Structures are given as structure tokens and as C-alpha cells.
N, C-alpha and C. Protein backbone atom coordinates (compact mmCIF):
# COMPACT_ATOMS: atom_id res chain seq x y z
N UNK A 1 -10.27 -4.00 -12.55
CA UNK A 1 -9.48 -3.82 -11.35
C UNK A 1 -8.16 -4.57 -11.51
N UNK A 2 -7.08 -3.89 -11.16
CA UNK A 2 -5.78 -4.54 -11.17
C UNK A 2 -5.71 -5.48 -9.96
N UNK A 3 -5.02 -6.57 -10.12
CA UNK A 3 -4.81 -7.47 -8.99
C UNK A 3 -3.37 -7.96 -8.99
N UNK A 4 -2.93 -8.43 -7.84
CA UNK A 4 -1.56 -8.90 -7.72
C UNK A 4 -1.35 -10.09 -8.66
N UNK A 5 -0.10 -10.34 -8.98
CA UNK A 5 0.25 -11.49 -9.80
C UNK A 5 0.41 -12.70 -8.88
N UNK A 6 -0.56 -13.60 -8.93
CA UNK A 6 -0.54 -14.79 -8.08
C UNK A 6 0.64 -15.70 -8.36
N UNK A 7 1.26 -15.55 -9.54
CA UNK A 7 2.40 -16.40 -9.93
C UNK A 7 3.74 -15.72 -9.64
N UNK A 8 3.72 -14.53 -9.10
CA UNK A 8 4.98 -13.80 -8.84
C UNK A 8 5.83 -14.54 -7.82
N UNK A 9 7.14 -14.45 -7.93
CA UNK A 9 8.01 -15.13 -6.96
C UNK A 9 7.88 -14.59 -5.54
N UNK A 10 7.52 -13.31 -5.42
CA UNK A 10 7.32 -12.71 -4.10
C UNK A 10 5.89 -12.19 -4.04
N UNK A 11 5.14 -12.70 -3.08
CA UNK A 11 3.74 -12.34 -2.92
C UNK A 11 3.41 -12.36 -1.43
N UNK A 12 2.80 -11.28 -0.95
CA UNK A 12 2.45 -11.22 0.47
C UNK A 12 1.09 -10.57 0.64
N UNK A 13 0.44 -10.97 1.73
CA UNK A 13 -0.87 -10.41 2.08
C UNK A 13 -0.89 -10.14 3.58
N UNK A 14 -1.66 -9.12 3.96
CA UNK A 14 -1.82 -8.81 5.38
C UNK A 14 -3.20 -8.19 5.58
N UNK A 15 -3.70 -8.28 6.80
CA UNK A 15 -5.04 -7.78 7.10
C UNK A 15 -5.04 -7.26 8.53
N UNK A 16 -5.88 -6.22 8.78
CA UNK A 16 -5.98 -5.65 10.12
C UNK A 16 -7.38 -5.09 10.33
N UNK A 17 -7.82 -5.12 11.56
CA UNK A 17 -9.09 -4.50 11.94
C UNK A 17 -8.77 -3.13 12.52
N UNK A 18 -9.52 -2.11 12.07
CA UNK A 18 -9.26 -0.74 12.51
C UNK A 18 -10.54 -0.17 13.12
N UNK A 19 -10.42 0.40 14.31
CA UNK A 19 -11.56 1.02 14.98
C UNK A 19 -11.74 2.45 14.50
N UNK A 20 -12.18 2.57 13.25
CA UNK A 20 -12.42 3.87 12.63
C UNK A 20 -13.37 3.65 11.46
N UNK A 21 -14.08 4.69 11.09
CA UNK A 21 -14.98 4.62 9.93
C UNK A 21 -14.16 4.36 8.67
N UNK A 22 -14.73 3.62 7.72
CA UNK A 22 -14.02 3.39 6.45
C UNK A 22 -13.62 4.70 5.75
N UNK A 23 -14.46 5.73 5.84
CA UNK A 23 -14.12 7.01 5.21
C UNK A 23 -12.89 7.65 5.84
N UNK A 24 -12.73 7.48 7.14
CA UNK A 24 -11.55 8.02 7.82
C UNK A 24 -10.30 7.30 7.34
N UNK A 25 -10.37 5.97 7.29
CA UNK A 25 -9.23 5.17 6.84
C UNK A 25 -8.89 5.53 5.38
N UNK A 26 -9.92 5.65 4.56
CA UNK A 26 -9.71 6.02 3.15
C UNK A 26 -9.01 7.37 3.04
N UNK A 27 -9.49 8.35 3.79
CA UNK A 27 -8.91 9.70 3.71
C UNK A 27 -7.41 9.67 4.02
N UNK A 28 -7.01 8.85 4.96
CA UNK A 28 -5.60 8.74 5.32
C UNK A 28 -4.82 8.03 4.21
N UNK A 29 -5.34 6.91 3.74
CA UNK A 29 -4.68 6.15 2.67
C UNK A 29 -4.56 6.96 1.39
N UNK A 30 -5.63 7.67 1.05
CA UNK A 30 -5.69 8.37 -0.23
C UNK A 30 -4.90 9.68 -0.27
N UNK A 31 -4.51 10.18 0.89
CA UNK A 31 -3.67 11.39 0.93
C UNK A 31 -2.22 10.95 0.80
N UNK A 32 -1.87 10.56 -0.40
CA UNK A 32 -0.57 9.92 -0.66
C UNK A 32 0.60 10.78 -0.21
N UNK A 33 0.53 12.08 -0.46
CA UNK A 33 1.67 12.94 -0.08
C UNK A 33 1.82 13.07 1.43
N UNK A 34 0.81 12.67 2.19
CA UNK A 34 0.89 12.72 3.66
C UNK A 34 1.41 11.41 4.26
N UNK A 35 1.66 10.40 3.45
CA UNK A 35 2.14 9.13 4.00
C UNK A 35 3.32 9.28 4.95
N UNK A 36 4.32 10.12 4.64
CA UNK A 36 5.47 10.23 5.56
C UNK A 36 5.09 10.75 6.95
N UNK A 37 3.97 11.45 7.08
CA UNK A 37 3.56 12.00 8.39
C UNK A 37 3.11 10.91 9.35
N UNK A 38 2.56 9.81 8.83
CA UNK A 38 2.06 8.77 9.73
C UNK A 38 2.77 7.43 9.56
N UNK A 39 3.53 7.27 8.48
CA UNK A 39 4.26 6.02 8.25
C UNK A 39 5.75 6.31 8.17
N UNK A 40 6.48 6.04 9.25
CA UNK A 40 7.92 6.35 9.25
C UNK A 40 8.73 5.55 8.24
N UNK A 41 8.16 4.50 7.66
CA UNK A 41 8.87 3.75 6.62
C UNK A 41 8.91 4.50 5.29
N UNK A 42 8.02 5.49 5.13
CA UNK A 42 7.96 6.28 3.90
C UNK A 42 8.64 7.62 4.18
N UNK A 43 9.69 7.91 3.42
CA UNK A 43 10.48 9.12 3.69
C UNK A 43 10.03 10.34 2.89
N UNK A 44 9.52 10.13 1.68
CA UNK A 44 9.16 11.25 0.82
C UNK A 44 8.19 10.77 -0.24
N UNK A 45 7.22 11.61 -0.63
CA UNK A 45 6.26 11.27 -1.68
C UNK A 45 5.97 12.51 -2.52
N UNK A 46 5.86 12.30 -3.82
CA UNK A 46 5.47 13.37 -4.72
C UNK A 46 4.44 12.82 -5.70
N UNK A 47 3.22 13.32 -5.59
CA UNK A 47 2.12 12.91 -6.47
C UNK A 47 2.07 13.88 -7.64
N UNK A 48 2.13 13.37 -8.88
CA UNK A 48 2.14 14.21 -10.06
C UNK A 48 0.75 14.33 -10.68
N UNK A 49 -0.18 14.93 -9.94
CA UNK A 49 -1.53 15.11 -10.47
C UNK A 49 -2.58 14.75 -9.43
N UNK A 50 -3.77 14.48 -9.93
CA UNK A 50 -4.90 14.17 -9.06
C UNK A 50 -4.90 12.68 -8.68
N UNK A 51 -5.67 12.37 -7.65
CA UNK A 51 -5.82 11.00 -7.21
C UNK A 51 -6.81 10.30 -8.16
N UNK A 52 -6.28 9.75 -9.26
CA UNK A 52 -7.11 9.06 -10.23
C UNK A 52 -6.23 8.09 -11.01
N UNK A 53 -6.84 7.08 -11.60
CA UNK A 53 -6.05 6.12 -12.39
C UNK A 53 -5.23 6.85 -13.46
N UNK A 54 -3.98 6.41 -13.61
CA UNK A 54 -3.08 7.01 -14.58
C UNK A 54 -2.14 8.05 -14.01
N UNK A 55 -2.41 8.48 -12.77
CA UNK A 55 -1.54 9.47 -12.12
C UNK A 55 -0.30 8.77 -11.55
N UNK A 56 0.84 9.37 -11.80
CA UNK A 56 2.11 8.82 -11.32
C UNK A 56 2.49 9.46 -9.99
N UNK A 57 3.16 8.69 -9.15
CA UNK A 57 3.76 9.26 -7.95
C UNK A 57 5.09 8.58 -7.69
N UNK A 58 5.99 9.34 -7.10
CA UNK A 58 7.30 8.81 -6.73
C UNK A 58 7.42 8.90 -5.22
N UNK A 59 8.01 7.87 -4.65
CA UNK A 59 8.15 7.86 -3.20
C UNK A 59 9.38 7.08 -2.79
N UNK A 60 9.86 7.45 -1.63
CA UNK A 60 11.06 6.81 -1.10
C UNK A 60 10.67 6.00 0.13
N UNK A 61 10.93 4.72 0.03
CA UNK A 61 10.71 3.80 1.15
C UNK A 61 11.83 2.77 1.06
N UNK A 62 12.59 2.66 2.10
CA UNK A 62 13.73 1.75 2.04
C UNK A 62 14.87 2.37 1.26
N UNK A 63 15.60 1.54 0.52
CA UNK A 63 16.84 2.01 -0.10
C UNK A 63 16.68 2.84 -1.37
N UNK A 64 15.53 2.83 -1.98
CA UNK A 64 15.44 3.53 -3.26
C UNK A 64 14.14 4.27 -3.46
N UNK A 65 14.09 5.00 -4.58
CA UNK A 65 12.89 5.73 -4.95
C UNK A 65 12.05 4.86 -5.87
N UNK A 66 10.77 4.76 -5.56
CA UNK A 66 9.84 3.93 -6.31
C UNK A 66 9.00 4.84 -7.20
N UNK A 67 8.87 4.48 -8.46
CA UNK A 67 7.97 5.19 -9.37
C UNK A 67 6.73 4.34 -9.52
N UNK A 68 5.58 4.88 -9.13
CA UNK A 68 4.33 4.13 -9.15
C UNK A 68 3.28 4.83 -10.00
N UNK A 69 2.31 4.05 -10.45
CA UNK A 69 1.22 4.55 -11.28
C UNK A 69 -0.09 4.05 -10.69
N UNK A 70 -0.98 4.99 -10.34
CA UNK A 70 -2.27 4.60 -9.80
C UNK A 70 -3.06 3.83 -10.85
N UNK A 71 -3.63 2.71 -10.44
CA UNK A 71 -4.41 1.86 -11.35
C UNK A 71 -5.90 1.91 -11.03
N UNK A 72 -6.23 1.81 -9.73
CA UNK A 72 -7.63 1.83 -9.29
C UNK A 72 -7.77 2.79 -8.12
N UNK A 73 -8.75 3.67 -8.22
CA UNK A 73 -9.06 4.60 -7.15
C UNK A 73 -10.58 4.56 -7.00
N UNK A 74 -11.06 3.83 -6.00
CA UNK A 74 -12.49 3.64 -5.80
C UNK A 74 -12.84 3.93 -4.34
N UNK A 75 -13.04 5.22 -4.01
CA UNK A 75 -13.33 5.59 -2.63
C UNK A 75 -14.64 4.96 -2.15
N UNK A 76 -14.73 4.56 -0.92
CA UNK A 76 -13.66 4.40 0.07
C UNK A 76 -13.23 2.95 0.21
N UNK A 77 -13.15 2.23 -0.92
CA UNK A 77 -12.91 0.79 -0.81
C UNK A 77 -11.64 0.24 -1.44
N UNK A 78 -11.08 0.91 -2.44
CA UNK A 78 -9.98 0.29 -3.17
C UNK A 78 -8.99 1.34 -3.67
N UNK A 79 -7.71 1.05 -3.40
CA UNK A 79 -6.62 1.87 -3.91
C UNK A 79 -5.54 0.91 -4.38
N UNK A 80 -5.19 0.99 -5.66
CA UNK A 80 -4.20 0.05 -6.21
C UNK A 80 -3.26 0.78 -7.14
N UNK A 81 -2.01 0.32 -7.16
CA UNK A 81 -1.02 0.90 -8.05
C UNK A 81 -0.01 -0.14 -8.48
N UNK A 82 0.70 0.18 -9.54
CA UNK A 82 1.84 -0.60 -9.98
C UNK A 82 3.07 0.26 -9.76
N UNK A 83 4.23 -0.39 -9.64
CA UNK A 83 5.44 0.38 -9.41
C UNK A 83 6.68 -0.37 -9.84
N UNK A 84 7.77 0.39 -9.97
CA UNK A 84 9.06 -0.20 -10.36
C UNK A 84 10.16 0.39 -9.49
N UNK A 85 11.05 -0.52 -9.07
CA UNK A 85 12.24 -0.10 -8.35
C UNK A 85 13.31 -1.18 -8.53
N UNK A 86 14.49 -0.78 -8.90
CA UNK A 86 15.66 -1.66 -9.00
C UNK A 86 15.36 -3.02 -9.64
N UNK A 87 14.70 -3.02 -10.78
CA UNK A 87 14.43 -4.27 -11.49
C UNK A 87 13.27 -5.09 -10.95
N UNK A 88 12.52 -4.54 -10.03
CA UNK A 88 11.34 -5.22 -9.47
C UNK A 88 10.09 -4.52 -9.98
N UNK A 89 9.17 -5.30 -10.50
CA UNK A 89 7.86 -4.79 -10.89
C UNK A 89 6.88 -5.18 -9.80
N UNK A 90 6.23 -4.19 -9.23
CA UNK A 90 5.33 -4.43 -8.10
C UNK A 90 3.89 -4.09 -8.46
N UNK A 91 2.97 -4.82 -7.85
CA UNK A 91 1.55 -4.50 -7.90
C UNK A 91 1.07 -4.49 -6.47
N UNK A 92 0.45 -3.38 -6.05
CA UNK A 92 -0.01 -3.23 -4.66
C UNK A 92 -1.50 -2.90 -4.66
N UNK A 93 -2.25 -3.58 -3.80
CA UNK A 93 -3.69 -3.37 -3.68
C UNK A 93 -4.05 -3.20 -2.21
N UNK A 94 -4.80 -2.14 -1.92
CA UNK A 94 -5.38 -1.92 -0.59
C UNK A 94 -6.89 -1.98 -0.72
N UNK A 95 -7.54 -2.77 0.14
CA UNK A 95 -8.99 -2.87 0.13
C UNK A 95 -9.52 -2.55 1.53
N UNK A 96 -10.59 -1.76 1.57
CA UNK A 96 -11.26 -1.44 2.83
C UNK A 96 -12.66 -2.05 2.75
N UNK A 97 -13.02 -2.77 3.80
CA UNK A 97 -14.32 -3.41 3.85
C UNK A 97 -14.91 -3.25 5.24
N UNK A 98 -16.20 -3.43 5.36
CA UNK A 98 -16.85 -3.45 6.67
C UNK A 98 -17.43 -4.85 6.87
N UNK A 99 -17.00 -5.50 7.94
CA UNK A 99 -17.46 -6.84 8.27
C UNK A 99 -17.94 -6.81 9.72
N UNK A 100 -19.20 -7.17 9.93
CA UNK A 100 -19.77 -7.16 11.28
C UNK A 100 -19.53 -5.81 11.97
N UNK A 101 -19.77 -4.73 11.25
CA UNK A 101 -19.64 -3.37 11.76
C UNK A 101 -18.20 -3.01 12.14
N UNK A 102 -17.24 -3.72 11.58
CA UNK A 102 -15.82 -3.43 11.84
C UNK A 102 -15.14 -3.12 10.52
N UNK A 103 -14.25 -2.13 10.54
CA UNK A 103 -13.50 -1.77 9.34
C UNK A 103 -12.30 -2.71 9.23
N UNK A 104 -12.23 -3.40 8.11
CA UNK A 104 -11.14 -4.34 7.84
C UNK A 104 -10.35 -3.81 6.65
N UNK A 105 -9.05 -3.71 6.81
CA UNK A 105 -8.18 -3.30 5.71
C UNK A 105 -7.30 -4.49 5.34
N UNK A 106 -7.34 -4.82 4.06
CA UNK A 106 -6.49 -5.89 3.53
C UNK A 106 -5.54 -5.26 2.53
N UNK A 107 -4.32 -5.74 2.55
CA UNK A 107 -3.34 -5.26 1.58
C UNK A 107 -2.60 -6.46 1.02
N UNK A 108 -2.24 -6.35 -0.24
CA UNK A 108 -1.48 -7.42 -0.87
C UNK A 108 -0.56 -6.80 -1.92
N UNK A 109 0.56 -7.48 -2.13
CA UNK A 109 1.54 -6.96 -3.08
C UNK A 109 2.30 -8.11 -3.69
N UNK A 110 2.58 -8.00 -4.98
CA UNK A 110 3.42 -8.99 -5.66
C UNK A 110 4.62 -8.29 -6.28
N UNK A 111 5.74 -9.01 -6.29
CA UNK A 111 6.97 -8.51 -6.90
C UNK A 111 7.46 -9.55 -7.89
N UNK A 112 7.86 -9.08 -9.06
CA UNK A 112 8.46 -9.98 -10.03
C UNK A 112 9.59 -9.26 -10.76
N UNK A 113 10.41 -10.04 -11.43
CA UNK A 113 11.58 -9.51 -12.12
C UNK A 113 12.80 -10.30 -11.69
N UNK A 114 13.91 -10.06 -12.37
CA UNK A 114 15.13 -10.83 -12.09
C UNK A 114 15.58 -10.72 -10.64
N UNK A 115 15.52 -9.51 -10.10
CA UNK A 115 15.98 -9.29 -8.73
C UNK A 115 15.11 -10.08 -7.74
N UNK A 116 13.80 -10.07 -7.94
CA UNK A 116 12.92 -10.76 -6.99
C UNK A 116 13.12 -12.27 -7.05
N UNK A 117 13.46 -12.81 -8.20
CA UNK A 117 13.74 -14.24 -8.29
C UNK A 117 15.07 -14.59 -7.64
N UNK A 118 16.06 -13.73 -7.81
CA UNK A 118 17.40 -14.01 -7.30
C UNK A 118 17.50 -13.89 -5.77
N UNK A 119 16.70 -13.02 -5.19
CA UNK A 119 16.79 -12.76 -3.74
C UNK A 119 15.47 -13.11 -3.06
N UNK A 120 14.87 -14.19 -3.47
CA UNK A 120 13.52 -14.56 -3.08
C UNK A 120 13.26 -14.52 -1.58
N UNK A 121 14.03 -15.24 -0.79
CA UNK A 121 13.76 -15.34 0.65
C UNK A 121 13.86 -13.99 1.35
N UNK A 122 14.91 -13.27 1.06
CA UNK A 122 15.12 -11.96 1.70
C UNK A 122 14.02 -10.98 1.33
N UNK A 123 13.65 -10.95 0.06
CA UNK A 123 12.61 -10.03 -0.40
C UNK A 123 11.23 -10.42 0.13
N UNK A 124 10.96 -11.71 0.25
CA UNK A 124 9.69 -12.16 0.80
C UNK A 124 9.53 -11.66 2.25
N UNK A 125 10.58 -11.83 3.03
CA UNK A 125 10.57 -11.34 4.42
C UNK A 125 10.39 -9.83 4.47
N UNK A 126 11.10 -9.13 3.60
CA UNK A 126 11.03 -7.68 3.57
C UNK A 126 9.62 -7.20 3.21
N UNK A 127 9.00 -7.83 2.22
CA UNK A 127 7.66 -7.42 1.81
C UNK A 127 6.63 -7.71 2.90
N UNK A 128 6.69 -8.88 3.50
CA UNK A 128 5.76 -9.21 4.58
C UNK A 128 5.88 -8.22 5.73
N UNK A 129 7.10 -7.90 6.10
CA UNK A 129 7.34 -6.94 7.17
C UNK A 129 6.79 -5.56 6.81
N UNK A 130 7.02 -5.14 5.57
CA UNK A 130 6.56 -3.83 5.11
C UNK A 130 5.04 -3.73 5.14
N UNK A 131 4.34 -4.75 4.65
CA UNK A 131 2.88 -4.72 4.64
C UNK A 131 2.33 -4.67 6.07
N UNK A 132 2.89 -5.48 6.95
CA UNK A 132 2.41 -5.51 8.33
C UNK A 132 2.69 -4.20 9.06
N UNK A 133 3.86 -3.63 8.87
CA UNK A 133 4.14 -2.36 9.56
C UNK A 133 3.30 -1.23 8.98
N UNK A 134 3.08 -1.22 7.66
CA UNK A 134 2.23 -0.20 7.05
C UNK A 134 0.81 -0.25 7.61
N UNK A 135 0.27 -1.45 7.78
CA UNK A 135 -1.07 -1.58 8.36
C UNK A 135 -1.09 -1.13 9.81
N UNK A 136 -0.04 -1.45 10.55
CA UNK A 136 0.03 -1.04 11.96
C UNK A 136 0.03 0.49 12.06
N UNK A 137 0.79 1.16 11.20
CA UNK A 137 0.84 2.63 11.23
C UNK A 137 -0.49 3.23 10.76
N UNK A 138 -1.12 2.62 9.75
CA UNK A 138 -2.42 3.09 9.26
C UNK A 138 -3.47 2.96 10.37
N UNK A 139 -3.46 1.87 11.08
CA UNK A 139 -4.39 1.65 12.20
C UNK A 139 -4.18 2.71 13.27
N UNK A 140 -2.94 2.95 13.66
CA UNK A 140 -2.64 3.93 14.70
C UNK A 140 -3.12 5.32 14.30
N UNK A 141 -2.86 5.73 13.08
CA UNK A 141 -3.25 7.06 12.62
C UNK A 141 -4.77 7.16 12.50
N UNK A 142 -5.40 6.14 11.95
CA UNK A 142 -6.85 6.16 11.79
C UNK A 142 -7.56 6.23 13.14
N UNK A 143 -7.11 5.44 14.08
CA UNK A 143 -7.73 5.42 15.40
C UNK A 143 -7.43 6.70 16.18
N UNK A 144 -6.29 7.30 15.90
CA UNK A 144 -5.92 8.55 16.58
C UNK A 144 -6.88 9.67 16.21
N UNK A 145 -7.28 9.74 14.94
CA UNK A 145 -8.12 10.87 14.52
C UNK A 145 -9.61 10.51 14.42
N UNK A 146 -9.95 9.26 14.68
CA UNK A 146 -11.34 8.82 14.50
C UNK A 146 -12.23 9.20 15.68
N UNK A 147 -13.50 9.40 15.36
CA UNK A 147 -14.50 9.62 16.41
C UNK A 147 -15.41 8.40 16.48
N UNK A 148 -14.93 7.28 16.02
CA UNK A 148 -15.67 6.03 15.93
C UNK A 148 -16.10 5.53 17.28
């Protein structure tokens, strides 16, 4: 399993409880090309193949297009990828768990590279905000379609 770089200059984690079955949350997360429909921070996505490790996808979020590579696809618990944008190397991990009959989604991401070291404070804030808003949108969409 790929994991974030604990030594990266930019590292953020976020967690949320979602009132929906883990399979529902997974179905939304794993439909990568549908991300723009429920997450307004994502403008466009193109998946080049099946949802499996080694598949590349490109997506636009923020100022640039990110090229990512799926690393772990373990339904309905784990989705992880690596990506590159503007001199930043990213590792992103989403985990779905059930704790006390509640669906918990945790996400974490690390950024490294010259740009992330040079703009540390600004990028740290940006990443934390992005993870939290992504979870908020995932929760809203999951709960909207859930029969939980």
C-alpha cells in the first residue's frame, strides 16, 4: 500500500463521519470521472482506463491540470494515487472504515518538491482547505443518495 510521505514539507490529514453505507461512499469516490458533478473544486477529469493500480488520470482542480496514477484500489476501503503538478509530487490516500456502526472517511496527502518547500505556509493552508472541502462535498453527496 502506498502511503503519504511523513517527511514531506506539506502534509495534511482530515476525517469525517458520513451517514451512508461504506459501499455508497466508495461508489462515489471510485467514480473518478464523476468527481466534478459533486465536488465543485474539481473542474474536469479524464480516466485513461479501468479503475485499477497503474491507471492514469488527469484532472483539473485549482490553477492547473494534475496528472495522477492510481496506486491502490481496494473496494470499499482504500483509494490511493500519486500525482504531479507544477513541480509538486503528491501522494493522496482515502480510507473508508466503519467504527461503531458509523462510516468514517479519512484522507491524507503529502506534497514535496522545490515548489512545496519554497511556498510552505501557503501550500499547507491550501492543502488542508482542499482536503476538508473535498470531504464535506463527499459527505453531502453520499448522504444525498444514501438509504442509510
